[in-house]
Amino acid sequence: MTRMISRRGLFAAGAAAFSPRALRAQERANAAFPRLKVVDIEEHRIQVPWADFQKYEMMHFYGPSSRVIYVVRTNSELIGLGEAGDPEPNDTLRKYIGTSPFDWVADETSKALGTAMYDLMGKAAGVPVYKLIGPKYRSFVPCAAWHVSTSPKRMAAAVKHLASIGYTWMKYHLSPFENVIDQMEAMQAVAPKGFKVHHDFTMGGSDDHVFEVLQKIEKYSIAGAFEDPLAERDIKGYAELRAKCRLPILYHHSPLGAGFETQHRAADGYILGNSSIGAVMRHAGLFAMLETPFSWQNTGGTITRAMTLHMQAACKTAYLHFNNDTESWSADVVKERLEPVNGLIRVPETPGLGLTLDRGELERLKKLQLPAQPKWIIKTRFANGATMYNIGDTRSPIFMVRPDTRRLATLSYDAPVTTEYWDPDGSPAFRTMMGRLEKDGMVLERA
């Protein structure tokens, strides 16, 4: 249960995040690498194919994926690794050149380059990153897999695959283009005992009575948690929903930075999404004083996963499962693979992040040119025979989970629908329908 915290306690919690551990590590680093500083930052944009088990639906939601790998070089043989979804501005990169990695303890400038700085600090001091942050509270950290909302058959296949490679949680965003109860039935039929599904409601956007939908979902044994089921500013509503719901309510998009929300007991746990390292440290102190669980969610490959493991190992209440989506890609730029066993991943104990750059694979992925996904048609049939058509466009993937963003219609997560992906097939029917959609936005036809 969340408990109240005094102003003095809150100050102490925040200060605890900036422990003298990094200073002691710097003393050891200075002995081994005097006047260590950053001299260059390599920026590599790569494309990585989706993993086979979800390639079809990922291409339709997002198209080919890309991210940026940073290799930070120093005036020694040490390099630091970081990664991001998009490149940092040149002005940001220049801030790090000529500085010591230890100048960036609790970095709030760049999550990607901050990760590289911690990698360098750990390597220079000869310690794993978590020892720069705080005492180790856990050697194994829970990790969830990620998927997108698709047909019940494909959802079941994803659950079966993910369970077979060591995951015990799967998170996905609900979509009004699929019936959530049909999905639950299909997933539960194949899920091993103990496997759980984390439902992300993306802060509403449907015409459902939220509590009623949650009640229907939580009857299934595989239902595990609900994320962002209400509009982000409805803090009182979150507290009321939490009191009624059997399963944990998780707050991701907390509008007041999870401070005011915790005092109102608005959620059972918090997700810090793509927050800076310094912000996570501050929140970690607050959550520790309140005995409130949280996780740090960042999309990326093994570099991002490693940093998340170190952070959650050293933060007292960071024992919620986290998502990096690392399992969604078929390759990576480091030699190590941090895979779960029974949903848990062991925290690396070697210096820095515990990773080794694979230059050959980095160069291969830099040269890779993946084909784009052309616009397609979302064809949705209702039980009464009516058919709805919408444009599928990877430039706006949010539409797949929040179709209300196009201001065409507000739909339901529990409507009696089935959806298929209609790809460009060169047929007159496809061209005609796409022309109608580009003119009208959405087409709804009777049986």
Protein backbone atom coordinates (compact mmCIF):
# COMPACT_ATOMS: atom_id res chain seq x y z
CA MET A 1 0.00 0.00 0.00
CA THR A 2 1.24 3.49 -0.82
CA ARG A 3 2.17 5.53 2.23
CA MET A 4 2.47 9.26 2.72
CA ILE A 5 5.86 10.95 2.70
CA SER A 6 7.08 14.07 4.46
CA ARG A 7 8.85 16.93 2.71
CA ARG A 8 12.06 15.99 4.53
CA GLY A 9 11.66 12.36 3.44
CA LEU A 10 11.03 13.41 -0.15
CA PHE A 11 14.24 15.46 -0.16
CA ALA A 12 16.20 12.54 1.25
CA ALA A 13 14.73 10.21 -1.37
CA GLY A 14 15.80 12.46 -4.21
CA ALA A 15 19.27 12.97 -2.76
CA ALA A 16 19.74 9.22 -2.38
CA ALA A 17 19.67 8.86 -6.15
CA PHE A 18 22.97 10.78 -6.38
CA SER A 19 25.10 8.53 -4.17
CA PRO A 20 28.88 8.83 -3.76
CA ARG A 21 29.29 5.55 -5.61
CA ALA A 22 30.06 7.33 -8.87
CA LEU A 23 32.66 9.48 -7.12
CA ARG A 24 34.44 6.45 -5.71
CA ALA A 25 34.33 4.85 -9.15
CA GLN A 26 35.85 7.98 -10.64
CA GLU A 27 38.80 7.72 -8.26
CA ARG A 28 39.45 4.17 -9.45
CA ALA A 29 39.00 5.21 -13.08
CA ASN A 30 41.45 8.09 -12.73
CA ALA A 31 44.12 5.69 -11.53
CA ALA A 32 43.67 3.44 -14.56
CA PHE A 33 42.77 6.05 -17.18
CA PRO A 34 44.11 9.50 -16.17
CA ARG A 35 42.20 12.46 -17.63
CA LEU A 36 39.77 10.22 -19.53
CA LYS A 37 37.67 12.26 -21.94
CA VAL A 38 35.38 11.91 -24.95
CA VAL A 39 37.10 12.71 -28.25
CA ASP A 40 34.59 11.58 -30.88
CA ILE A 41 31.05 10.23 -31.26
CA GLU A 42 30.26 7.89 -34.13
CA GLU A 43 26.62 7.98 -35.24
CA HIS A 44 25.35 4.97 -37.20
CA ARG A 45 21.81 4.69 -38.55
CA ILE A 46 20.83 1.06 -38.98
CA GLN A 47 17.85 -0.92 -40.21
CA VAL A 48 17.01 -4.23 -38.53
CA PRO A 49 14.48 -6.74 -39.87
CA TRP A 50 11.56 -7.65 -37.65
CA ALA A 51 11.61 -11.09 -36.06
CA ASP A 52 9.72 -13.64 -38.13
CA PHE A 53 7.03 -14.32 -35.52
CA GLN A 54 5.61 -10.80 -35.80
CA LYS A 55 7.02 -9.46 -39.07
CA TYR A 56 3.67 -9.43 -40.89
CA GLU A 57 1.79 -7.29 -38.39
CA MET A 58 4.78 -5.08 -37.51
CA MET A 59 5.29 -4.16 -41.14
CA HIS A 60 1.64 -3.14 -41.39
CA PHE A 61 1.77 -1.05 -38.22
CA TYR A 62 5.22 0.51 -38.55
CA GLY A 63 6.91 -0.52 -41.77
CA PRO A 64 10.67 -1.29 -41.66
CA SER A 65 12.31 -0.26 -38.41
CA SER A 66 15.43 1.84 -37.95
CA ARG A 67 17.41 3.21 -35.04
CA VAL A 68 20.68 5.00 -34.32
CA ILE A 69 23.73 3.43 -32.68
CA TYR A 70 26.26 5.66 -30.92
CA VAL A 71 29.86 4.58 -30.43
CA VAL A 72 31.58 7.08 -28.14
CA ARG A 73 35.37 7.12 -28.47
CA THR A 74 37.76 8.36 -25.81
CA ASN A 75 41.45 9.22 -25.54
CA SER A 76 41.97 5.61 -24.48
CA GLU A 77 41.01 2.24 -25.93
CA LEU A 78 37.64 2.43 -24.17
CA ILE A 79 34.43 2.98 -26.14
CA GLY A 80 30.91 3.53 -24.85
CA LEU A 81 27.71 2.30 -26.49
CA GLY A 82 24.29 3.94 -26.69
CA GLU A 83 21.29 3.85 -28.99
CA ALA A 84 18.22 5.90 -29.86
CA GLY A 85 15.23 5.82 -32.15
CA ASP A 86 16.21 9.08 -33.85
CA PRO A 87 19.53 10.93 -34.11
CA GLU A 88 20.40 13.56 -31.54
CA PRO A 89 20.93 17.15 -32.76
CA ASN A 90 24.55 18.05 -33.49
CA ASP A 91 24.46 20.66 -30.72
CA THR A 92 23.70 17.87 -28.25
CA LEU A 93 26.58 15.72 -29.51
CA ARG A 94 29.01 18.62 -29.17
CA LYS A 95 28.18 18.99 -25.46
CA TYR A 96 29.84 15.65 -24.75
CA ILE A 97 33.03 16.16 -26.78
CA GLY A 98 36.00 17.01 -24.54
CA THR A 99 34.22 16.08 -21.32
CA SER A 100 34.82 13.28 -18.86
CA PRO A 101 32.20 10.52 -18.82
CA PHE A 102 31.94 11.23 -15.08
CA ASP A 103 30.64 14.71 -15.88
CA TRP A 104 27.41 12.97 -16.90
CA VAL A 105 26.37 11.20 -13.72
CA ALA A 106 22.53 11.25 -13.62
CA ASP A 107 22.52 12.64 -17.18
CA GLU A 108 19.35 14.42 -18.29
CA THR A 109 20.59 15.64 -21.67
CA SER A 110 20.42 12.47 -23.77
CA LYS A 111 19.28 9.00 -22.76
CA ALA A 112 21.30 7.42 -25.57
CA LEU A 113 24.54 9.27 -24.87
CA GLY A 114 23.96 9.07 -21.13
CA THR A 115 23.88 5.29 -21.57
CA ALA A 116 27.23 5.46 -23.39
CA MET A 117 28.68 7.61 -20.59
CA TYR A 118 27.66 5.06 -17.97
CA ASP A 119 29.12 2.29 -20.11
CA LEU A 120 32.42 4.22 -20.16
CA MET A 121 32.32 4.99 -16.44
CA GLY A 122 31.82 1.35 -15.61
CA LYS A 123 34.56 0.17 -17.98
CA ALA A 124 37.04 2.74 -16.68
CA ALA A 125 36.34 1.85 -13.04
CA GLY A 126 36.15 -1.87 -13.75
CA VAL A 127 32.62 -2.25 -12.38
CA PRO A 128 29.18 -3.03 -13.84
CA VAL A 129 26.96 0.00 -14.38
CA TYR A 130 24.57 -0.81 -11.54
CA LYS A 131 27.39 -0.25 -9.02
CA LEU A 132 27.57 3.38 -10.17
CA ILE A 133 23.91 3.87 -9.29
CA GLY A 134 23.27 2.17 -5.96
CA PRO A 135 23.24 -1.09 -4.06
CA LYS A 136 22.00 -4.07 -6.02
CA TYR A 137 18.45 -4.96 -4.96
CA ARG A 138 18.07 -7.82 -7.43
CA SER A 139 20.28 -9.96 -9.65
CA PHE A 140 17.43 -10.92 -11.97
CA VAL A 141 15.01 -8.38 -13.46
CA PRO A 142 11.57 -9.24 -14.90
CA CYS A 143 11.18 -8.48 -18.59
CA ALA A 144 8.02 -8.56 -20.71
CA ALA A 145 7.67 -9.04 -24.45
CA TRP A 146 5.71 -6.71 -26.71
CA HIS A 147 3.25 -7.24 -29.50
CA VAL A 148 0.63 -5.33 -31.47
CA SER A 149 -3.11 -5.93 -31.58
CA THR A 150 -3.92 -8.24 -34.45
CA SER A 151 -6.23 -11.14 -35.24
CA PRO A 152 -6.97 -13.62 -32.42
CA LYS A 153 -5.17 -16.36 -34.34
CA ARG A 154 -2.00 -14.29 -34.67
CA MET A 155 -2.22 -13.14 -31.05
CA ALA A 156 -2.33 -16.76 -29.95
CA ALA A 157 0.66 -17.62 -32.13
CA ALA A 158 2.64 -14.75 -30.58
CA VAL A 159 1.84 -15.91 -27.04
CA LYS A 160 2.86 -19.47 -27.87
CA HIS A 161 6.16 -18.30 -29.41
CA LEU A 162 7.06 -15.85 -26.65
CA ALA A 163 6.35 -18.39 -23.94
CA SER A 164 8.62 -20.86 -25.74
CA ILE A 165 11.59 -18.43 -25.64
CA GLY A 166 11.30 -17.58 -21.96
CA TYR A 167 8.76 -14.78 -21.54
CA THR A 168 5.95 -14.90 -18.98
CA TRP A 169 4.41 -11.49 -19.79
CA MET A 170 3.29 -9.95 -23.08
CA LYS A 171 2.19 -6.35 -23.43
CA TYR A 172 0.06 -4.97 -26.25
CA HIS A 173 -2.07 -1.93 -27.03
CA LEU A 174 -5.74 -2.73 -27.52
CA SER A 175 -7.24 -1.78 -30.89
CA PRO A 176 -10.91 -1.23 -31.84
CA PHE A 177 -10.15 -3.10 -35.08
CA GLU A 178 -10.05 -6.34 -33.08
CA ASN A 179 -12.37 -7.73 -30.43
CA VAL A 180 -10.44 -7.97 -27.16
CA ILE A 181 -12.56 -10.84 -25.80
CA ASP A 182 -11.96 -12.91 -28.93
CA GLN A 183 -8.25 -12.21 -28.49
CA MET A 184 -8.36 -13.30 -24.83
CA GLU A 185 -10.12 -16.53 -25.70
CA ALA A 186 -7.52 -17.38 -28.34
CA MET A 187 -4.53 -16.46 -26.19
CA GLN A 188 -5.75 -18.28 -23.11
CA ALA A 189 -6.27 -21.45 -25.14
CA VAL A 190 -2.51 -21.69 -25.86
CA ALA A 191 -0.88 -19.85 -22.95
CA PRO A 192 1.02 -21.97 -20.42
CA LYS A 193 0.01 -21.67 -16.78
CA GLY A 194 1.38 -18.46 -15.28
CA PHE A 195 1.64 -16.51 -18.54
CA LYS A 196 0.12 -13.02 -18.23
CA VAL A 197 -1.07 -10.34 -20.64
CA HIS A 198 -0.49 -6.64 -19.98
CA HIS A 199 -3.23 -4.52 -21.62
CA ASP A 200 -2.36 -0.96 -22.63
CA PHE A 201 -5.44 1.18 -23.29
CA THR A 202 -3.49 4.17 -24.68
CA MET A 203 -5.52 6.56 -22.49
CA GLY A 204 -8.93 5.79 -23.93
CA GLY A 205 -10.28 6.76 -27.31
CA SER A 206 -13.07 4.19 -27.42
CA ASP A 207 -16.78 4.48 -26.64
CA ASP A 208 -16.63 1.72 -24.02
CA HIS A 209 -17.49 2.02 -20.36
CA VAL A 210 -13.94 1.33 -19.22
CA PHE A 211 -14.75 -0.44 -15.96
CA GLU A 212 -17.12 -2.81 -17.76
CA VAL A 213 -14.41 -3.74 -20.30
CA LEU A 214 -11.88 -4.28 -17.51
CA GLN A 215 -14.33 -6.53 -15.70
CA LYS A 216 -14.77 -8.67 -18.81
CA ILE A 217 -11.02 -8.97 -19.36
CA GLU A 218 -10.02 -9.70 -15.78
CA LYS A 219 -12.17 -12.85 -15.72
CA TYR A 220 -9.46 -14.55 -17.78
CA SER A 221 -6.60 -16.14 -15.87
CA ILE A 222 -4.03 -14.75 -18.33
CA ALA A 223 -5.15 -11.14 -17.69
CA GLY A 224 -2.35 -9.52 -15.72
CA ALA A 225 -2.44 -5.70 -15.62
CA PHE A 226 -4.06 -2.61 -17.14
CA GLU A 227 -2.03 0.38 -18.31
CA ASP A 228 -3.42 3.88 -18.92
CA PRO A 229 -7.12 2.87 -19.01
CA LEU A 230 -8.32 6.48 -18.56
CA ALA A 231 -7.43 9.92 -19.88
CA GLU A 232 -4.11 10.93 -18.34
CA ARG A 233 -5.47 13.90 -16.35
CA ASP A 234 -8.22 11.94 -14.63
CA ILE A 235 -6.20 11.29 -11.47
CA LYS A 236 -9.29 10.94 -9.28
CA GLY A 237 -10.78 8.50 -11.78
CA TYR A 238 -7.61 6.39 -11.63
CA ALA A 239 -7.84 6.20 -7.85
CA GLU A 240 -11.50 5.14 -8.03
CA LEU A 241 -10.78 2.57 -10.74
CA ARG A 242 -7.91 1.15 -8.75
CA ALA A 243 -10.19 0.65 -5.76
CA LYS A 244 -12.69 -1.30 -7.88
CA CYS A 245 -10.41 -3.36 -10.12
CA ARG A 246 -9.01 -6.76 -9.14
CA LEU A 247 -5.90 -6.42 -11.31
CA PRO A 248 -3.10 -3.82 -11.01
CA ILE A 249 -3.63 -0.40 -12.57
CA LEU A 250 -0.42 1.02 -14.05
CA TYR A 251 0.09 4.72 -14.75
CA HIS A 252 2.43 5.52 -17.65
CA HIS A 253 1.41 8.94 -18.92
CA SER A 254 1.12 10.58 -15.51
CA PRO A 255 0.57 14.29 -16.22
CA LEU A 256 2.24 15.59 -13.05
CA GLY A 257 5.32 13.43 -13.21
CA ALA A 258 4.05 10.70 -10.85
CA GLY A 259 4.43 12.98 -7.82
CA PHE A 260 0.93 14.24 -7.15
CA GLU A 261 -0.49 10.98 -8.52
CA THR A 262 1.32 8.87 -5.92
CA GLN A 263 -0.06 10.97 -3.07
CA HIS A 264 -3.58 10.23 -4.32
CA ARG A 265 -2.89 6.51 -4.66
CA ALA A 266 -3.87 6.70 -8.30
CA ALA A 267 -2.14 3.50 -9.41
CA ASP A 268 -0.60 0.26 -8.22
CA GLY A 269 2.59 0.95 -10.15
CA TYR A 270 4.21 3.41 -12.53
CA ILE A 271 5.96 3.15 -15.89
CA LEU A 272 8.65 5.71 -16.67
CA GLY A 273 8.60 5.76 -20.45
CA ASN A 274 11.76 6.92 -22.25
CA SER A 275 12.71 9.12 -19.29
CA SER A 276 16.27 10.36 -18.91
CA ILE A 277 18.64 8.56 -16.56
CA GLY A 278 18.58 11.45 -14.10
CA ALA A 279 14.79 11.58 -14.08
CA VAL A 280 14.61 7.86 -13.34
CA MET A 281 17.01 8.29 -10.43
CA ARG A 282 14.88 11.05 -8.92
CA HIS A 283 11.70 9.04 -9.32
CA ALA A 284 13.41 5.96 -7.93
CA GLY A 285 13.99 7.79 -4.66
CA LEU A 286 10.36 8.88 -4.46
CA PHE A 287 9.03 5.42 -5.28
CA ALA A 288 11.39 3.81 -2.76
CA MET A 289 10.12 6.04 0.06
CA LEU A 290 6.52 5.21 -0.90
CA GLU A 291 7.21 1.49 -1.45
CA THR A 292 5.64 1.88 -4.91
CA PRO A 293 6.75 -0.43 -7.76
CA PHE A 294 7.81 0.94 -11.13
CA SER A 295 9.60 0.05 -14.35
CA TRP A 296 11.66 1.95 -16.92
CA GLN A 297 10.35 1.44 -20.46
CA ASN A 298 12.57 2.21 -23.45
CA THR A 299 12.33 0.91 -26.99
CA GLY A 300 15.59 -0.45 -28.35
CA GLY A 301 17.96 -3.32 -28.82
CA THR A 302 20.32 -5.08 -26.43
CA ILE A 303 22.18 -1.87 -25.54
CA THR A 304 18.96 -0.33 -24.24
CA ARG A 305 17.97 -3.59 -22.54
CA ALA A 306 21.31 -3.77 -20.73
CA MET A 307 21.01 -0.22 -19.37
CA THR A 308 17.47 -0.94 -18.21
CA LEU A 309 18.63 -4.06 -16.39
CA HIS A 310 21.34 -2.15 -14.54
CA MET A 311 18.96 0.65 -13.56
CA GLN A 312 16.23 -1.66 -12.33
CA ALA A 313 18.75 -3.78 -10.44
CA ALA A 314 19.89 -0.75 -8.44
CA CYS A 315 16.50 0.88 -7.77
CA LYS A 316 14.75 -0.51 -4.71
CA THR A 317 11.18 -0.80 -6.04
CA ALA A 318 11.93 -1.23 -9.77
CA TYR A 319 10.59 -4.77 -9.75
CA LEU A 320 7.79 -4.38 -12.29
CA HIS A 321 8.37 -6.12 -15.62
CA PHE A 322 9.85 -3.75 -18.20
CA ASN A 323 9.52 -3.58 -22.00
CA ASN A 324 12.28 -2.83 -24.49
CA ASP A 325 10.82 -4.68 -27.49
CA THR A 326 14.31 -6.12 -28.09
CA GLU A 327 12.76 -9.47 -28.97
CA SER A 328 10.98 -7.84 -31.92
CA TRP A 329 14.15 -7.61 -34.03
CA SER A 330 16.10 -10.41 -35.66
CA ALA A 331 19.64 -9.00 -35.25
CA ASP A 332 21.73 -6.65 -33.13
CA VAL A 333 25.07 -4.81 -33.06
CA VAL A 334 26.49 -6.49 -29.96
CA LYS A 335 27.71 -10.03 -29.47
CA GLU A 336 25.82 -10.75 -26.25
CA ARG A 337 22.14 -11.65 -26.00
CA LEU A 338 20.24 -10.89 -22.82
CA GLU A 339 17.38 -13.38 -22.97
CA PRO A 340 14.88 -14.26 -20.24
CA VAL A 341 14.45 -17.54 -18.43
CA ASN A 342 11.00 -17.82 -16.87
CA GLY A 343 10.55 -14.09 -17.45
CA LEU A 344 13.77 -13.04 -15.67
CA ILE A 345 17.04 -11.73 -17.12
CA ARG A 346 20.27 -11.84 -15.15
CA VAL A 347 22.00 -8.49 -14.70
CA PRO A 348 25.46 -8.42 -16.36
CA GLU A 349 28.39 -8.43 -13.92
CA THR A 350 31.18 -7.47 -16.31
CA PRO A 351 32.41 -3.83 -16.47
CA GLY A 352 30.15 -1.19 -18.01
CA LEU A 353 27.00 -2.43 -19.68
CA GLY A 354 28.61 -5.84 -20.14
CA LEU A 355 28.38 -5.72 -23.94
CA THR A 356 30.83 -6.11 -26.81
CA LEU A 357 30.38 -4.21 -30.08
CA ASP A 358 30.12 -6.40 -33.19
CA ARG A 359 31.61 -4.11 -35.84
CA GLY A 360 30.87 -6.52 -38.65
CA GLU A 361 27.18 -6.70 -37.79
CA LEU A 362 27.02 -2.93 -37.31
CA GLU A 363 28.36 -2.38 -40.82
CA ARG A 364 26.01 -4.98 -42.28
CA LEU A 365 22.95 -3.39 -40.70
CA LYS A 366 24.08 0.08 -41.84
CA LYS A 367 24.07 -1.12 -45.45
CA LEU A 368 20.76 -2.95 -45.19
CA GLN A 369 17.92 -1.38 -47.19
CA LEU A 370 14.57 -2.85 -46.20
CA PRO A 371 11.54 -2.46 -48.49
CA ALA A 372 8.89 0.04 -47.40
CA GLN A 373 5.35 -1.00 -46.58
CA PRO A 374 2.96 0.76 -48.99
CA LYS A 375 -0.38 2.08 -47.83
CA TRP A 376 -2.86 -0.71 -47.32
CA ILE A 377 -6.53 -1.08 -46.44
CA ILE A 378 -7.91 -2.10 -43.05
CA LYS A 379 -10.97 -4.17 -43.88
CA THR A 380 -13.23 -4.74 -40.86
CA ARG A 381 -16.39 -6.85 -40.91
CA PHE A 382 -19.13 -6.57 -38.29
CA ALA A 383 -21.27 -9.49 -37.18
CA ASN A 384 -24.32 -7.93 -38.86
CA GLY A 385 -22.57 -8.02 -42.24
CA ALA A 386 -21.53 -4.37 -42.47
CA THR A 387 -17.97 -3.69 -43.62
CA MET A 388 -15.72 -0.77 -42.66
CA TYR A 389 -12.67 0.30 -44.66
CA ASN A 390 -9.81 2.55 -43.49
CA ILE A 391 -6.38 3.44 -44.81
CA GLY A 392 -3.44 1.73 -43.15
CA ASP A 393 -0.43 4.07 -43.20
CA THR A 394 2.81 3.34 -41.36
CA ARG A 395 3.47 7.08 -41.10
CA SER A 396 0.69 7.28 -38.49
CA PRO A 397 0.70 3.96 -36.60
CA ILE A 398 -1.23 5.52 -33.70
CA PHE A 399 -4.35 5.17 -35.86
CA MET A 400 -4.25 1.40 -35.39
CA VAL A 401 -4.90 1.76 -31.65
CA ARG A 402 -6.56 5.19 -31.54
CA PRO A 403 -8.63 5.51 -34.74
CA ASP A 404 -10.43 8.43 -33.10
CA THR A 405 -7.33 10.53 -33.88
CA ARG A 406 -8.57 10.96 -37.48
CA ARG A 407 -11.90 12.26 -36.17
CA LEU A 408 -13.89 9.84 -38.27
CA ALA A 409 -15.50 7.55 -35.70
CA THR A 410 -15.19 6.44 -32.09
CA LEU A 411 -15.22 2.66 -31.89
CA SER A 412 -15.27 -0.08 -29.24
CA TYR A 413 -12.76 -2.65 -28.01
CA ASP A 414 -15.58 -5.16 -27.58
CA ALA A 415 -17.43 -4.78 -30.88
CA PRO A 416 -18.25 -8.00 -32.80
CA VAL A 417 -15.65 -7.46 -35.54
CA THR A 418 -12.99 -9.29 -37.52
CA THR A 419 -10.29 -7.48 -39.47
CA GLU A 420 -8.05 -8.43 -42.39
CA TYR A 421 -5.15 -6.57 -44.01
CA TRP A 422 -5.82 -5.80 -47.66
CA ASP A 423 -2.47 -5.14 -49.32
CA PRO A 424 -2.08 -3.47 -52.74
CA ASP A 425 -2.77 -6.28 -55.19
CA GLY A 426 -3.04 -4.35 -58.46
CA SER A 427 -6.77 -5.10 -58.69
CA PRO A 428 -9.36 -2.55 -59.86
CA ALA A 429 -11.26 -3.18 -56.59
CA PHE A 430 -8.28 -2.14 -54.49
CA ARG A 431 -7.62 0.99 -56.56
CA THR A 432 -11.26 2.00 -56.43
CA MET A 433 -11.52 1.56 -52.67
CA MET A 434 -8.26 3.38 -52.03
CA GLY A 435 -9.52 6.28 -54.14
CA ARG A 436 -12.73 6.44 -52.10
CA LEU A 437 -10.76 6.34 -48.85
CA GLU A 438 -8.42 9.11 -49.91
CA LYS A 439 -11.47 11.22 -50.68
CA ASP A 440 -13.79 10.33 -47.77
CA GLY A 441 -11.41 9.11 -45.06
CA MET A 442 -13.50 6.06 -44.14
CA VAL A 443 -16.03 3.89 -45.98
CA LEU A 444 -18.85 2.04 -44.19
CA GLU A 445 -21.05 -0.29 -46.28
CA ARG A 446 -24.09 -2.39 -45.48
CA ALA A 447 -24.08 -6.10 -46.15
